[in-house]
C-alpha atoms as a PDB file:
ATOM      1  CA  MET A   1     103.550 134.882  99.235  1.00  0.00           C
ATOM      2  CA  ARG A   2     105.982 131.888  97.986  1.00  0.00           C
ATOM      3  CA  ILE A   3     103.974 128.838  96.566  1.00  0.00           C
ATOM      4  CA  LEU A   4     105.445 125.238  95.528  1.00  0.00           C
ATOM      5  CA  ILE A   5     103.284 123.601  93.856  1.00  0.00           C
ATOM      6  CA  THR A   6     103.384 119.856  92.543  1.00  0.00           C
ATOM      7  CA  ASN A   7     101.190 116.859  91.131  1.00  0.00           C
ATOM      8  CA  ASP A   8     101.375 113.148  90.271  1.00  0.00           C
ATOM      9  CA  ASP A   9     100.168 113.247  86.480  1.00  0.00           C
ATOM     10  CA  GLY A  10     103.383 114.843  85.597  1.00  0.00           C
ATOM     11  CA  ILE A  11     105.087 117.762  84.903  1.00  0.00           C
ATOM     12  CA  ASN A  12     103.420 118.470  81.366  1.00  0.00           C
ATOM     13  CA  ALA A  13      99.995 117.521  82.828  1.00  0.00           C
ATOM     14  CA  PRO A  14      97.026 120.035  81.657  1.00  0.00           C
ATOM     15  CA  GLY A  15      96.072 120.106  85.344  1.00  0.00           C
ATOM     16  CA  LEU A  16      99.205 121.348  86.558  1.00  0.00           C
ATOM     17  CA  LYS A  17      98.680 124.037  84.409  1.00  0.00           C
ATOM     18  CA  VAL A  18      95.207 124.814  86.221  1.00  0.00           C
ATOM     19  CA  LEU A  19      97.046 124.751  89.565  1.00  0.00           C
ATOM     20  CA  GLU A  20      99.917 127.110  88.479  1.00  0.00           C
ATOM     21  CA  ALA A  21      97.162 129.698  87.058  1.00  0.00           C
ATOM     22  CA  ILE A  22      95.774 129.535  90.841  1.00  0.00           C
ATOM     23  CA  ALA A  23      98.591 129.596  92.431  1.00  0.00           C
ATOM     24  CA  ALA A  24      99.700 132.503  90.621  1.00  0.00           C
ATOM     25  CA  GLU A  25      96.315 134.030  91.901  1.00  0.00           C
ATOM     26  CA  ILE A  26      96.528 133.638  95.079  1.00  0.00           C
ATOM     27  CA  ALA A  27     100.455 134.443  95.470  1.00  0.00           C
ATOM     28  CA  GLY A  28      99.216 138.121  93.835  1.00  0.00           C
ATOM     29  CA  PRO A  29     102.149 140.405  91.705  1.00  0.00           C
ATOM     30  CA  THR A  30     104.501 140.322  94.090  1.00  0.00           C
ATOM     31  CA  GLY A  31     104.294 136.593  94.944  1.00  0.00           C
ATOM     32  CA  GLU A  32     106.363 133.720  93.465  1.00  0.00           C
ATOM     33  CA  VAL A  33     104.915 130.413  92.193  1.00  0.00           C
ATOM     34  CA  TRP A  34     107.588 127.460  91.749  1.00  0.00           C
ATOM     35  CA  VAL A  35     106.733 124.782  90.492  1.00  0.00           C
ATOM     36  CA  VAL A  36     108.748 120.926  91.233  1.00  0.00           C
ATOM     37  CA  ALA A  37     107.033 118.214  89.657  1.00  0.00           C
ATOM     38  CA  PRO A  38     107.736 114.684  88.434  1.00  0.00           C
ATOM     39  CA  ALA A  39     108.934 114.271  85.016  1.00  0.00           C
ATOM     40  CA  PHE A  40     106.662 111.274  84.468  1.00  0.00           C
ATOM     41  CA  GLU A  41     103.729 110.184  85.520  1.00  0.00           C
ATOM     42  CA  GLN A  42     103.378 109.068  89.115  1.00  0.00           C
ATOM     43  CA  SER A  43      99.583 108.391  89.612  1.00  0.00           C
ATOM     44  CA  GLY A  44      99.048 105.943  92.560  1.00  0.00           C
ATOM     45  CA  VAL A  45     102.213 106.034  94.337  1.00  0.00           C
ATOM     46  CA  ALA A  46     100.462 107.357  97.247  1.00  0.00           C
ATOM     47  CA  HIS A  47     103.537 108.772  99.979  1.00  0.00           C
ATOM     48  CA  LYS A  48     106.249 107.152  98.417  1.00  0.00           C
ATOM     49  CA  ILE A  49     110.007 108.605  98.843  1.00  0.00           C
ATOM     50  CA  SER A  50     112.631 107.316  96.647  1.00  0.00           C
ATOM     51  CA  TYR A  51     114.873 106.235  99.436  1.00  0.00           C
ATOM     52  CA  THR A  52     116.738 103.939  98.070  1.00  0.00           C
ATOM     53  CA  HIS A  53     117.585 105.618  95.049  1.00  0.00           C
ATOM     54  CA  PRO A  54     119.310 108.800  93.697  1.00  0.00           C
ATOM     55  CA  MET A  55     116.689 110.905  91.894  1.00  0.00           C
ATOM     56  CA  MET A  56     117.864 113.599  88.493  1.00  0.00           C
ATOM     57  CA  ILE A  57     116.257 116.939  88.656  1.00  0.00           C
ATOM     58  CA  ALA A  58     116.420 119.192  85.779  1.00  0.00           C
ATOM     59  CA  GLU A  59     115.567 122.944  85.608  1.00  0.00           C
ATOM     60  CA  LEU A  60     112.968 123.601  82.634  1.00  0.00           C
ATOM     61  CA  GLY A  61     112.673 127.106  82.974  1.00  0.00           C
ATOM     62  CA  PRO A  62     112.752 130.176  86.016  1.00  0.00           C
ATOM     63  CA  ARG A  63     111.232 128.373  88.858  1.00  0.00           C
ATOM     64  CA  ARG A  64     110.128 125.234  87.288  1.00  0.00           C
ATOM     65  CA  PHE A  65     111.942 121.929  87.595  1.00  0.00           C
ATOM     66  CA  ALA A  66     111.100 118.260  86.644  1.00  0.00           C
ATOM     67  CA  ALA A  67     112.299 115.539  89.177  1.00  0.00           C
ATOM     68  CA  GLU A  68     112.537 111.711  88.566  1.00  0.00           C
ATOM     69  CA  GLY A  69     110.580 110.956  91.381  1.00  0.00           C
ATOM     70  CA  SER A  70     107.223 110.791  93.356  1.00  0.00           C
ATOM     71  CA  PRO A  71     105.111 113.906  94.548  1.00  0.00           C
ATOM     72  CA  ALA A  72     106.506 113.664  98.017  1.00  0.00           C
ATOM     73  CA  ASP A  73     109.719 113.525  96.708  1.00  0.00           C
ATOM     74  CA  CYS A  74     109.174 116.474  94.695  1.00  0.00           C
ATOM     75  CA  VAL A  75     108.290 118.409  97.560  1.00  0.00           C
ATOM     76  CA  LEU A  76     111.773 117.580  99.314  1.00  0.00           C
ATOM     77  CA  ALA A  77     113.852 118.608  96.430  1.00  0.00           C
ATOM     78  CA  GLY A  78     111.548 121.617  96.630  1.00  0.00           C
ATOM     79  CA  LEU A  79     112.306 122.496 100.376  1.00  0.00           C
ATOM     80  CA  TYR A  80     115.827 121.057 100.455  1.00  0.00           C
ATOM     81  CA  ASP A  81     117.689 122.138  97.243  1.00  0.00           C
ATOM     82  CA  VAL A  82     115.130 124.422  94.866  1.00  0.00           C
ATOM     83  CA  MET A  83     114.115 126.773  97.586  1.00  0.00           C
ATOM     84  CA  THR A  84     116.736 126.873  99.468  1.00  0.00           C
ATOM     85  CA  ASP A  85     116.893 130.404 100.193  1.00  0.00           C
ATOM     86  CA  ALA A  86     113.511 130.553 101.861  1.00  0.00           C
ATOM     87  CA  ARG A  87     110.549 128.108 102.320  1.00  0.00           C
ATOM     88  CA  PRO A  88     107.345 128.466 100.618  1.00  0.00           C
ATOM     89  CA  ASP A  89     104.438 129.409 102.417  1.00  0.00           C
ATOM     90  CA  LEU A  90     101.864 127.176 100.991  1.00  0.00           C
ATOM     91  CA  VAL A  91     102.098 124.038  99.330  1.00  0.00           C
ATOM     92  CA  LEU A  92      99.139 122.668  96.877  1.00  0.00           C
ATOM     93  CA  SER A  93      99.370 119.750  95.034  1.00  0.00           C
ATOM     94  CA  GLY A  94      97.519 118.589  92.012  1.00  0.00           C
ATOM     95  CA  VAL A  95      95.134 119.767  89.800  1.00  0.00           C
ATOM     96  CA  ASN A  96      95.058 115.697  89.966  1.00  0.00           C
ATOM     97  CA  ARG A  97      92.755 114.376  86.433  1.00  0.00           C
ATOM     98  CA  GLY A  98      90.203 112.357  88.367  1.00  0.00           C
ATOM     99  CA  ASN A  99      89.008 112.616  91.790  1.00  0.00           C
ATOM    100  CA  ASN A 100      90.861 111.463  95.064  1.00  0.00           C
ATOM    101  CA  ALA A 101      88.203 111.101  97.081  1.00  0.00           C
ATOM    102  CA  ALA A 102      87.098 107.668  99.524  1.00  0.00           C
ATOM    103  CA  GLU A 103      89.550 105.101  98.821  1.00  0.00           C
ATOM    104  CA  ASN A 104      91.474 106.594  96.231  1.00  0.00           C
ATOM    105  CA  VAL A 105      92.847 108.793  98.962  1.00  0.00           C
ATOM    106  CA  LEU A 106      94.954 106.113 100.017  1.00  0.00           C
ATOM    107  CA  TYR A 107      97.051 105.474  96.539  1.00  0.00           C
ATOM    108  CA  SER A 108      97.278 109.037  95.333  1.00  0.00           C
ATOM    109  CA  GLY A 109     100.407 110.541  94.719  1.00  0.00           C
ATOM    110  CA  THR A 110      98.433 114.154  94.972  1.00  0.00           C
ATOM    111  CA  ILE A 111      97.963 113.275  98.364  1.00  0.00           C
ATOM    112  CA  GLY A 112     101.205 112.408  99.634  1.00  0.00           C
ATOM    113  CA  GLY A 113     102.668 115.446  98.091  1.00  0.00           C
ATOM    114  CA  ALA A 114     100.172 117.516 100.185  1.00  0.00           C
ATOM    115  CA  MET A 115     101.109 115.379 103.076  1.00  0.00           C
ATOM    116  CA  GLU A 116     104.618 115.305 102.935  1.00  0.00           C
ATOM    117  CA  ALA A 117     104.523 119.240 102.541  1.00  0.00           C
ATOM    118  CA  ALA A 118     102.122 119.021 106.331  1.00  0.00           C
ATOM    119  CA  LEU A 119     104.893 116.406 107.417  1.00  0.00           C
ATOM    120  CA  GLN A 120     107.528 118.894 106.765  1.00  0.00           C
ATOM    121  CA  GLY A 121     105.496 121.716 108.707  1.00  0.00           C
ATOM    122  CA  LEU A 122     104.000 123.786 106.097  1.00  0.00           C
ATOM    123  CA  PRO A 123     100.265 124.669 104.914  1.00  0.00           C
ATOM    124  CA  ALA A 124      99.278 122.442 102.423  1.00  0.00           C
ATOM    125  CA  ILE A 125      96.196 121.710  99.922  1.00  0.00           C
ATOM    126  CA  ALA A 126      95.345 118.409  97.506  1.00  0.00           C
ATOM    127  CA  LEU A 127      93.190 119.178  94.875  1.00  0.00           C
ATOM    128  CA  SER A 128      91.219 116.816  92.528  1.00  0.00           C
ATOM    129  CA  GLN A 129      89.047 117.347  90.024  1.00  0.00           C
ATOM    130  CA  TYR A 130      86.566 114.672  89.604  1.00  0.00           C
ATOM    131  CA  LEU A 131      85.403 113.376  86.107  1.00  0.00           C
ATOM    132  CA  GLY A 132      82.030 112.089  85.156  1.00  0.00           C
ATOM    133  CA  PRO A 133      79.582 112.263  81.795  1.00  0.00           C
ATOM    134  CA  LEU A 134      78.922 115.828  81.812  1.00  0.00           C
ATOM    135  CA  ASN A 135      82.750 117.028  82.125  1.00  0.00           C
ATOM    136  CA  MET A 136      84.687 114.308  80.152  1.00  0.00           C
ATOM    137  CA  GLN A 137      85.480 116.423  77.127  1.00  0.00           C
ATOM    138  CA  SER A 138      88.493 117.444  77.175  1.00  0.00           C
ATOM    139  CA  ASP A 139      87.582 121.786  77.159  1.00  0.00           C
ATOM    140  CA  LEU A 140      85.513 120.697  80.633  1.00  0.00           C
ATOM    141  CA  GLN A 141      87.543 118.446  82.288  1.00  0.00           C
ATOM    142  CA  PHE A 142      88.652 121.234  84.374  1.00  0.00           C
ATOM    143  CA  GLN A 143      86.758 123.868  84.005  1.00  0.00           C
ATOM    144  CA  ALA A 144      85.244 123.333  87.843  1.00  0.00           C
ATOM    145  CA  ALA A 145      88.570 123.534  89.395  1.00  0.00           C
ATOM    146  CA  THR A 146      89.619 126.359  86.802  1.00  0.00           C
ATOM    147  CA  ALA A 147      86.878 128.658  87.936  1.00  0.00           C
ATOM    148  CA  HIS A 148      86.248 127.528  91.568  1.00  0.00           C
ATOM    149  CA  GLY A 149      89.611 126.804  92.295  1.00  0.00           C
ATOM    150  CA  ALA A 150      91.405 130.246  93.300  1.00  0.00           C
ATOM    151  CA  ALA A 151      88.543 131.222  95.623  1.00  0.00           C
ATOM    152  CA  THR A 152      88.310 127.293  97.368  1.00  0.00           C
ATOM    153  CA  VAL A 153      91.994 127.964  98.280  1.00  0.00           C
ATOM    154  CA  ARG A 154      91.574 131.305  99.579  1.00  0.00           C
ATOM    155  CA  THR A 155      88.550 130.370 101.777  1.00  0.00           C
ATOM    156  CA  LEU A 156      90.503 127.756 103.305  1.00  0.00           C
ATOM    157  CA  LEU A 157      93.502 130.081 104.196  1.00  0.00           C
ATOM    158  CA  ASP A 158      91.193 132.517 105.262  1.00  0.00           C
ATOM    159  CA  GLN A 159      89.038 130.438 107.238  1.00  0.00           C
ATOM    160  CA  GLY A 160      90.419 127.125 107.528  1.00  0.00           C
ATOM    161  CA  HIS A 161      92.052 125.811 110.505  1.00  0.00           C
ATOM    162  CA  TRP A 162      95.693 125.604 110.595  1.00  0.00           C
ATOM    163  CA  ASP A 163      97.611 124.483 113.025  1.00  0.00           C
ATOM    164  CA  SER A 164     101.243 123.097 114.362  1.00  0.00           C
ATOM    165  CA  ALA A 165     100.609 119.847 115.524  1.00  0.00           C
ATOM    166  CA  ASP A 166     103.002 116.936 114.891  1.00  0.00           C
ATOM    167  CA  TYR A 167     100.836 115.487 112.385  1.00  0.00           C
ATOM    168  CA  ARG A 168      99.760 118.661 110.929  1.00  0.00           C
ATOM    169  CA  LEU A 169      96.232 119.114 109.435  1.00  0.00           C
ATOM    170  CA  PHE A 170      96.212 119.448 105.439  1.00  0.00           C
ATOM    171  CA  TYR A 171      93.171 119.719 102.959  1.00  0.00           C
ATOM    172  CA  ASN A 172      91.712 117.615 100.253  1.00  0.00           C
ATOM    173  CA  VAL A 173      89.836 119.239  97.897  1.00  0.00           C
ATOM    174  CA  ASN A 174      87.709 117.224  95.050  1.00  0.00           C
ATOM    175  CA  PHE A 175      85.898 119.359  92.739  1.00  0.00           C
ATOM    176  CA  PRO A 176      82.610 117.674  91.272  1.00  0.00           C
ATOM    177  CA  PRO A 177      82.122 116.378  87.586  1.00  0.00           C
ATOM    178  CA  LEU A 178      80.382 119.378  86.190  1.00  0.00           C
ATOM    179  CA  PRO A 179      80.784 122.402  84.095  1.00  0.00           C
ATOM    180  CA  ALA A 180      81.957 125.493  86.284  1.00  0.00           C
ATOM    181  CA  ALA A 181      78.678 126.942  85.966  1.00  0.00           C
ATOM    182  CA  GLN A 182      76.639 124.030  87.560  1.00  0.00           C
ATOM    183  CA  VAL A 183      78.789 123.560  90.767  1.00  0.00           C
ATOM    184  CA  LYS A 184      76.728 124.103  93.800  1.00  0.00           C
ATOM    185  CA  GLY A 185      79.367 125.390  96.552  1.00  0.00           C
ATOM    186  CA  LEU A 186      81.272 123.910  98.812  1.00  0.00           C
ATOM    187  CA  ARG A 187      80.716 121.650 101.458  1.00  0.00           C
ATOM    188  CA  VAL A 188      82.850 119.839 104.115  1.00  0.00           C
ATOM    189  CA  GLY A 189      82.441 116.091 104.518  1.00  0.00           C
ATOM    190  CA  ALA A 190      84.434 113.017 105.716  1.00  0.00           C
ATOM    191  CA  GLN A 191      86.811 110.795 103.558  1.00  0.00           C
ATOM    192  CA  GLY A 192      84.056 108.436 102.314  1.00  0.00           C
ATOM    193  CA  TYR A 193      84.057 104.985 101.506  1.00  0.00           C
ATOM    194  CA  ARG A 194      82.662 103.401  97.970  1.00  0.00           C
ATOM    195  CA  ARG A 195      81.356  99.527  98.364  1.00  0.00           C
ATOM    196  CA  ASP A 196      82.351  97.196  95.367  1.00  0.00           C
ATOM    197  CA  ALA A 197      85.140  99.663  93.977  1.00  0.00           C
ATOM    198  CA  PHE A 198      88.078  97.871  94.746  1.00  0.00           C
ATOM    199  CA  PHE A 199      91.216  97.645  92.905  1.00  0.00           C
ATOM    200  CA  GLY A 200      92.050  94.343  90.998  1.00  0.00           C
ATOM    201  CA  VAL A 201      93.957  93.132  88.427  1.00  0.00           C
ATOM    202  CA  GLU A 202      93.035  92.112  84.625  1.00  0.00           C
ATOM    203  CA  PRO A 203      95.419  89.406  83.111  1.00  0.00           C
ATOM    204  CA  HIS A 204      96.415  89.973  79.553  1.00  0.00           C
ATOM    205  CA  ASN A 205      98.999  88.058  77.250  1.00  0.00           C
ATOM    206  CA  SER A 206     101.832  89.659  75.101  1.00  0.00           C
ATOM    207  CA  PRO A 207     102.400  88.207  71.753  1.00  0.00           C
ATOM    208  CA  SER A 208     105.358  86.598  73.282  1.00  0.00           C
ATOM    209  CA  GLY A 209     103.046  84.217  75.769  1.00  0.00           C
ATOM    210  CA  ARG A 210     104.281  86.043  78.371  1.00  0.00           C
ATOM    211  CA  LYS A 211     101.049  87.066  81.369  1.00  0.00           C
ATOM    212  CA  PHE A 212     101.144  90.942  82.019  1.00  0.00           C
ATOM    213  CA  LEU A 213      98.712  92.033  84.874  1.00  0.00           C
ATOM    214  CA  TRP A 214      96.866  95.478  84.559  1.00  0.00           C
ATOM    215  CA  ILE A 215      95.857  97.241  87.387  1.00  0.00           C
ATOM    216  CA  LYS A 216      92.289  97.628  87.446  1.00  0.00           C
ATOM    217  CA  GLY A 217      89.819 100.317  88.854  1.00  0.00           C
ATOM    218  CA  GLY A 218      86.354 100.181  90.137  1.00  0.00           C
ATOM    219  CA  PRO A 219      83.708 102.052  89.154  1.00  0.00           C
ATOM    220  CA  GLN A 220      83.978 105.851  90.158  1.00  0.00           C
ATOM    221  CA  ASN A 221      80.513 106.896  90.229  1.00  0.00           C
ATOM    222  CA  LEU A 222      79.220 105.389  93.167  1.00  0.00           C
ATOM    223  CA  PRO A 223      78.229 107.781  96.273  1.00  0.00           C
ATOM    224  CA  THR A 224      79.630 107.227  99.511  1.00  0.00           C
ATOM    225  CA  ALA A 225      77.793 107.865 102.887  1.00  0.00           C
ATOM    226  CA  PRO A 226      75.634 111.037 102.843  1.00  0.00           C
ATOM    227  CA  GLY A 227      77.644 114.306 103.611  1.00  0.00           C
ATOM    228  CA  SER A 228      80.819 112.334 102.520  1.00  0.00           C
ATOM    229  CA  ASP A 229      83.624 113.615 100.054  1.00  0.00           C
ATOM    230  CA  ALA A 230      82.426 111.548  96.709  1.00  0.00           C
ATOM    231  CA  ALA A 231      78.654 111.731  97.477  1.00  0.00           C
ATOM    232  CA  LEU A 232      79.016 115.485  98.242  1.00  0.00           C
ATOM    233  CA  ASN A 233      81.041 115.919  94.629  1.00  0.00           C
ATOM    234  CA  LEU A 234      77.963 113.515  93.250  1.00  0.00           C
ATOM    235  CA  GLU A 235      75.320 116.314  94.458  1.00  0.00           C
ATOM    236  CA  GLY A 236      77.504 118.968  92.688  1.00  0.00           C
ATOM    237  CA  TYR A 237      79.119 120.463  95.877  1.00  0.00           C
ATOM    238  CA  ILE A 238      82.915 120.913  96.312  1.00  0.00           C
ATOM    239  CA  ALA A 239      84.478 118.982  98.558  1.00  0.00           C
ATOM    240  CA  VAL A 240      86.924 119.882 101.187  1.00  0.00           C
ATOM    241  CA  THR A 241      88.010 117.163 103.425  1.00  0.00           C
ATOM    242  CA  PRO A 242      90.305 118.026 106.479  1.00  0.00           C
ATOM    243  CA  MET A 243      93.014 115.117 106.700  1.00  0.00           C
ATOM    244  CA  ARG A 244      96.567 114.185 109.058  1.00  0.00           C
ATOM    245  CA  ALA A 245      98.861 111.547 108.421  1.00  0.00           C
ATOM    246  CA  ASP A 246      98.318 109.918 111.552  1.00  0.00           C
ATOM    247  CA  LEU A 247      96.351 106.427 110.828  1.00  0.00           C
ATOM    248  CA  THR A 248      95.984 105.696 114.443  1.00  0.00           C
ATOM    249  CA  ALA A 249      92.857 104.282 115.667  1.00  0.00           C
ATOM    250  CA  HIS A 250      92.072 106.728 118.167  1.00  0.00           C
ATOM    251  CA  ASP A 251      88.036 105.251 118.833  1.00  0.00           C
ATOM    252  CA  TRP A 252      89.331 102.169 119.673  1.00  0.00           C
ATOM    253  CA  LEU A 253      92.863 102.918 122.161  1.00  0.00           C
ATOM    254  CA  ASP A 254      90.737 103.055 125.270  1.00  0.00           C
ATOM    255  CA  ASP A 255      88.877 100.249 124.646  1.00  0.00           C
ATOM    256  CA  LEU A 256      92.035  98.108 123.626  1.00  0.00           C
ATOM    257  CA  ARG A 257      94.015  99.498 126.944  1.00  0.00           C
ATOM    258  CA  ALA A 258      91.200  97.938 129.272  1.00  0.00           C
ATOM    259  CA  LYS A 259      91.623  94.364 127.307  1.00  0.00           C
ATOM    260  CA  LEU A 260      95.083  93.921 126.665  1.00  0.00           C
ATOM    261  CA  GLU A 261      96.903  96.003 129.314  1.00  0.00           C
END
């Protein structure tokens, strides 16, 4: 199996090393793992592509490249520049340092990389590691993803639903904020919503008197609706959410047709 991996934390991020090990286990001794990751951190860029300016790409080693672009850019670079001899069989994005559950999904570059792969017609999985009081120590941060990542990916490949729809299905996986031994198992849940956890800004003045604004996130330990992604993580489960890039509110189409047409 040929696997392309990317992330949004950057080419030197510890989570990417975790994902490389996961991908190597899935690819097997005769497979290939290709890395095309951002040269610098790209957290929060969502599904951005560098449409109006070029990006530099550099080969850092065998099957290892850094691109000055977003995760979606990196997937495009992987498909149309790095791996032109044959497309990958699977694209993995992550392992993100921090959860990409609930509203975080909409901002996540990790999700953006997997989404771009799905739009390109490839099987794709985004993986993120929830952080909390029980795994904030550096040696514990990625322990759950390290221990359970390959098995989770293999389970999705073997038993997940993979279609060829125009807006192809892809998967969002979040590992709970726990040491590996305390993970309870895997559960499937919808994308949740954290109330009172909005992004905002925090103003600061520089020594020169100019005002700068820092983007500030809300608390991440708020549970979402029962059975949804963040709630499952906070209960100790690996949360798996099937996703599509289609943003249509299908539940309102018939009502709007009746009223407006």
